[in-house]
């Protein structure tokens, strides 16, 4: 799952570079939530264990990666501070 997320991120950066001639990393809420959960991973590991923590992190990271990929594909111009696919 981690390799799939990394591959999708690389594809997203490639599409963004091709479309906008720069690396397009968006500041969405989902990306921020993923960052917070990664920061909290040690605490989550103690509270929930390895498997539950891994599943939570992978699901949220995968969802944020898909959201960023969809936003990058749909956008006509680069808008780094796009909040979400649902909030524009």
N, C-alpha and C. Protein backbone atom coordinates (compact mmCIF):
# COMPACT_ATOMS: atom_id res chain seq x y z
N UNK A 1 0.83 -1.20 0.00
CA UNK A 1 0.00 0.00 0.00
C UNK A 1 0.87 1.26 0.00
N UNK A 2 1.95 1.22 0.75
CA UNK A 2 2.86 2.37 0.80
C UNK A 2 3.49 2.61 -0.57
N UNK A 3 3.85 1.54 -1.25
CA UNK A 3 4.41 1.69 -2.60
C UNK A 3 3.38 2.27 -3.57
N UNK A 4 2.13 1.86 -3.45
CA UNK A 4 1.07 2.40 -4.30
C UNK A 4 0.88 3.89 -4.05
N UNK A 5 0.88 4.29 -2.79
CA UNK A 5 0.75 5.71 -2.44
C UNK A 5 1.93 6.50 -3.00
N UNK A 6 3.14 5.97 -2.85
CA UNK A 6 4.32 6.65 -3.37
C UNK A 6 4.27 6.75 -4.90
N UNK A 7 3.82 5.69 -5.55
CA UNK A 7 3.70 5.70 -7.01
C UNK A 7 2.68 6.74 -7.47
N UNK A 8 1.53 6.79 -6.80
CA UNK A 8 0.52 7.78 -7.14
C UNK A 8 1.02 9.20 -6.91
N UNK A 9 1.80 9.40 -5.84
CA UNK A 9 2.39 10.73 -5.59
C UNK A 9 3.34 11.11 -6.72
N UNK A 10 4.17 10.17 -7.15
CA UNK A 10 5.10 10.43 -8.24
C UNK A 10 4.35 10.74 -9.54
N UNK A 11 3.29 10.00 -9.82
CA UNK A 11 2.47 10.27 -11.00
C UNK A 11 1.87 11.66 -10.90
N UNK A 12 1.37 12.01 -9.73
CA UNK A 12 0.79 13.33 -9.51
C UNK A 12 1.83 14.43 -9.76
N UNK A 13 3.04 14.27 -9.23
CA UNK A 13 4.09 15.27 -9.44
C UNK A 13 4.46 15.35 -10.92
N UNK A 14 4.46 14.22 -11.61
CA UNK A 14 4.75 14.21 -13.04
C UNK A 14 3.70 14.96 -13.84
N UNK A 15 2.44 14.70 -13.53
CA UNK A 15 1.34 15.40 -14.21
C UNK A 15 1.41 16.90 -13.92
N UNK A 16 1.64 17.24 -12.66
CA UNK A 16 1.75 18.65 -12.29
C UNK A 16 2.91 19.34 -12.99
N UNK A 17 4.04 18.66 -13.10
CA UNK A 17 5.20 19.23 -13.77
C UNK A 17 4.93 19.40 -15.26
N UNK A 18 4.27 18.42 -15.86
CA UNK A 18 3.93 18.50 -17.28
C UNK A 18 2.94 19.63 -17.56
N UNK A 19 1.92 19.77 -16.71
CA UNK A 19 0.88 20.79 -16.94
C UNK A 19 1.33 22.20 -16.57
N UNK A 20 2.04 22.32 -15.43
CA UNK A 20 2.32 23.65 -14.87
C UNK A 20 3.80 24.04 -14.91
N UNK A 21 4.65 23.14 -15.39
CA UNK A 21 6.10 23.37 -15.49
C UNK A 21 6.74 23.64 -14.14
N UNK A 22 6.17 23.08 -13.10
CA UNK A 22 6.72 23.13 -11.75
C UNK A 22 6.11 21.97 -10.96
N UNK A 23 6.76 21.61 -9.87
CA UNK A 23 6.21 20.53 -9.07
C UNK A 23 5.02 21.05 -8.28
N UNK A 24 3.88 20.43 -8.46
CA UNK A 24 2.62 20.90 -7.90
C UNK A 24 2.26 20.06 -6.68
N UNK A 25 2.57 20.58 -5.51
CA UNK A 25 2.16 19.95 -4.27
C UNK A 25 1.10 20.85 -3.64
N UNK A 26 -0.10 20.33 -3.49
CA UNK A 26 -1.23 21.14 -3.03
C UNK A 26 -1.38 21.09 -1.52
N UNK A 27 -1.87 22.19 -0.95
CA UNK A 27 -2.05 22.31 0.49
C UNK A 27 -3.51 22.05 0.83
N UNK A 28 -3.95 20.82 0.67
CA UNK A 28 -5.33 20.48 0.95
C UNK A 28 -5.49 20.09 2.43
N UNK A 29 -6.74 20.10 2.87
CA UNK A 29 -7.01 19.66 4.24
C UNK A 29 -6.59 18.20 4.44
N UNK A 30 -6.83 17.37 3.44
CA UNK A 30 -6.48 15.95 3.56
C UNK A 30 -4.97 15.77 3.70
N UNK A 31 -4.19 16.55 2.97
CA UNK A 31 -2.73 16.47 3.12
C UNK A 31 -2.29 16.92 4.51
N UNK A 32 -2.95 17.94 5.03
CA UNK A 32 -2.61 18.42 6.38
C UNK A 32 -2.99 17.39 7.44
N UNK A 33 -4.14 16.75 7.27
CA UNK A 33 -4.56 15.70 8.21
C UNK A 33 -3.58 14.53 8.16
N UNK A 34 -3.14 14.18 6.96
CA UNK A 34 -2.15 13.10 6.83
C UNK A 34 -0.87 13.45 7.56
N UNK A 35 -0.42 14.69 7.43
CA UNK A 35 0.79 15.12 8.14
C UNK A 35 0.64 15.06 9.65
N UNK A 36 -0.51 15.48 10.14
CA UNK A 36 -0.77 15.44 11.59
C UNK A 36 -0.78 13.99 12.07
N UNK A 37 -1.44 13.11 11.32
CA UNK A 37 -1.49 11.70 11.72
C UNK A 37 -0.11 11.06 11.69
N UNK A 38 0.71 11.42 10.71
CA UNK A 38 2.08 10.90 10.68
C UNK A 38 2.87 11.38 11.90
N UNK A 39 2.66 12.63 12.28
CA UNK A 39 3.31 13.16 13.47
C UNK A 39 2.84 12.44 14.73
N UNK A 40 1.56 12.06 14.76
CA UNK A 40 1.00 11.38 15.92
C UNK A 40 1.16 9.85 15.87
N UNK A 41 1.82 9.34 14.86
CA UNK A 41 1.95 7.89 14.68
C UNK A 41 2.54 7.17 15.89
N UNK A 42 3.58 7.70 16.55
CA UNK A 42 4.09 6.98 17.73
C UNK A 42 3.05 6.84 18.84
N UNK A 43 2.26 7.88 19.05
CA UNK A 43 1.23 7.83 20.09
C UNK A 43 0.13 6.86 19.67
N UNK A 44 -0.25 6.92 18.40
CA UNK A 44 -1.27 5.99 17.89
C UNK A 44 -0.80 4.55 18.00
N UNK A 45 0.49 4.33 17.76
CA UNK A 45 1.05 2.98 17.87
C UNK A 45 0.89 2.44 19.29
N UNK A 46 1.18 3.28 20.28
CA UNK A 46 1.04 2.85 21.67
C UNK A 46 -0.42 2.60 22.02
N UNK A 47 -1.31 3.45 21.52
CA UNK A 47 -2.73 3.33 21.86
C UNK A 47 -3.44 2.20 21.12
N UNK A 48 -3.15 2.07 19.82
CA UNK A 48 -3.93 1.17 18.98
C UNK A 48 -3.16 -0.04 18.44
N UNK A 49 -1.85 0.00 18.51
CA UNK A 49 -1.05 -1.10 17.97
C UNK A 49 -0.60 -0.82 16.54
N UNK A 50 0.24 -1.68 16.04
CA UNK A 50 0.86 -1.47 14.73
C UNK A 50 -0.13 -1.59 13.58
N UNK A 51 -0.94 -2.62 13.58
CA UNK A 51 -1.83 -2.86 12.45
C UNK A 51 -2.88 -1.75 12.31
N UNK A 52 -3.54 -1.40 13.39
CA UNK A 52 -4.56 -0.35 13.33
C UNK A 52 -3.95 0.99 12.92
N UNK A 53 -2.80 1.32 13.47
CA UNK A 53 -2.12 2.57 13.11
C UNK A 53 -1.75 2.57 11.63
N UNK A 54 -1.23 1.46 11.15
CA UNK A 54 -0.84 1.36 9.74
C UNK A 54 -2.04 1.50 8.82
N UNK A 55 -3.13 0.86 9.17
CA UNK A 55 -4.34 0.93 8.34
C UNK A 55 -4.88 2.36 8.31
N UNK A 56 -4.95 3.00 9.45
CA UNK A 56 -5.44 4.38 9.51
C UNK A 56 -4.57 5.30 8.66
N UNK A 57 -3.26 5.20 8.83
CA UNK A 57 -2.35 6.06 8.08
C UNK A 57 -2.44 5.80 6.58
N UNK A 58 -2.49 4.54 6.19
CA UNK A 58 -2.54 4.22 4.77
C UNK A 58 -3.85 4.67 4.12
N UNK A 59 -4.96 4.49 4.81
CA UNK A 59 -6.25 4.90 4.25
C UNK A 59 -6.30 6.42 4.07
N UNK A 60 -5.89 7.15 5.09
CA UNK A 60 -5.92 8.62 5.00
C UNK A 60 -4.93 9.13 3.95
N UNK A 61 -3.72 8.56 3.92
CA UNK A 61 -2.72 8.97 2.93
C UNK A 61 -3.18 8.64 1.52
N UNK A 62 -3.80 7.49 1.33
CA UNK A 62 -4.30 7.12 0.01
C UNK A 62 -5.41 8.06 -0.45
N UNK A 63 -6.32 8.39 0.47
CA UNK A 63 -7.41 9.31 0.13
C UNK A 63 -6.87 10.69 -0.22
N UNK A 64 -5.89 11.18 0.53
CA UNK A 64 -5.33 12.51 0.24
C UNK A 64 -4.56 12.50 -1.07
N UNK A 65 -3.91 11.39 -1.37
CA UNK A 65 -3.19 11.28 -2.64
C UNK A 65 -4.15 11.27 -3.81
N UNK A 66 -5.23 10.52 -3.70
CA UNK A 66 -6.23 10.50 -4.77
C UNK A 66 -6.87 11.88 -4.95
N UNK A 67 -7.18 12.55 -3.85
CA UNK A 67 -7.77 13.88 -3.93
C UNK A 67 -6.82 14.84 -4.65
N UNK A 68 -5.55 14.80 -4.28
CA UNK A 68 -4.58 15.69 -4.91
C UNK A 68 -4.41 15.37 -6.39
N UNK A 69 -4.42 14.09 -6.73
CA UNK A 69 -4.31 13.68 -8.13
C UNK A 69 -5.51 14.18 -8.94
N UNK A 70 -6.70 14.03 -8.42
CA UNK A 70 -7.91 14.51 -9.10
C UNK A 70 -7.87 16.02 -9.27
N UNK A 71 -7.48 16.73 -8.22
CA UNK A 71 -7.41 18.19 -8.31
C UNK A 71 -6.37 18.63 -9.34
N UNK A 72 -5.24 17.96 -9.38
CA UNK A 72 -4.19 18.31 -10.34
C UNK A 72 -4.65 18.06 -11.77
N UNK A 73 -5.34 16.95 -11.98
CA UNK A 73 -5.82 16.63 -13.33
C UNK A 73 -6.89 17.62 -13.77
N UNK A 74 -7.80 17.98 -12.87
CA UNK A 74 -8.93 18.85 -13.23
C UNK A 74 -8.56 20.33 -13.35
N UNK A 75 -7.52 20.76 -12.69
CA UNK A 75 -7.20 22.18 -12.63
C UNK A 75 -6.65 22.70 -13.95
N UNK A 76 -7.10 23.88 -14.31
CA UNK A 76 -6.58 24.55 -15.51
C UNK A 76 -5.30 25.31 -15.19
N UNK A 77 -5.22 25.84 -13.95
CA UNK A 77 -4.03 26.53 -13.51
C UNK A 77 -3.69 26.09 -12.10
N UNK A 78 -2.43 26.25 -11.73
CA UNK A 78 -1.96 25.77 -10.43
C UNK A 78 -2.49 26.65 -9.31
N UNK A 79 -3.20 26.03 -8.38
CA UNK A 79 -3.70 26.71 -7.19
C UNK A 79 -3.26 25.88 -5.99
N UNK A 80 -2.12 26.24 -5.43
CA UNK A 80 -1.52 25.45 -4.35
C UNK A 80 -2.36 25.43 -3.08
N UNK A 81 -3.10 26.48 -2.81
CA UNK A 81 -3.88 26.56 -1.57
C UNK A 81 -5.32 26.10 -1.75
N UNK A 82 -5.54 25.14 -2.62
CA UNK A 82 -6.86 24.56 -2.80
C UNK A 82 -7.22 23.76 -1.54
N UNK A 83 -8.35 24.03 -0.96
CA UNK A 83 -8.70 23.42 0.33
C UNK A 83 -9.07 21.95 0.21
N UNK A 84 -9.91 21.63 -0.76
CA UNK A 84 -10.39 20.27 -0.90
C UNK A 84 -11.06 20.11 -2.26
N UNK A 85 -11.32 18.89 -2.61
CA UNK A 85 -12.05 18.63 -3.84
C UNK A 85 -13.50 19.11 -3.70
N UNK A 86 -13.99 19.19 -2.49
CA UNK A 86 -15.36 19.59 -2.23
C UNK A 86 -15.49 21.09 -1.97
N UNK A 87 -14.38 21.74 -1.55
CA UNK A 87 -14.37 23.17 -1.24
C UNK A 87 -13.42 23.85 -2.20
N UNK A 88 -13.92 24.72 -3.02
CA UNK A 88 -13.03 25.40 -3.98
C UNK A 88 -13.08 26.86 -3.83
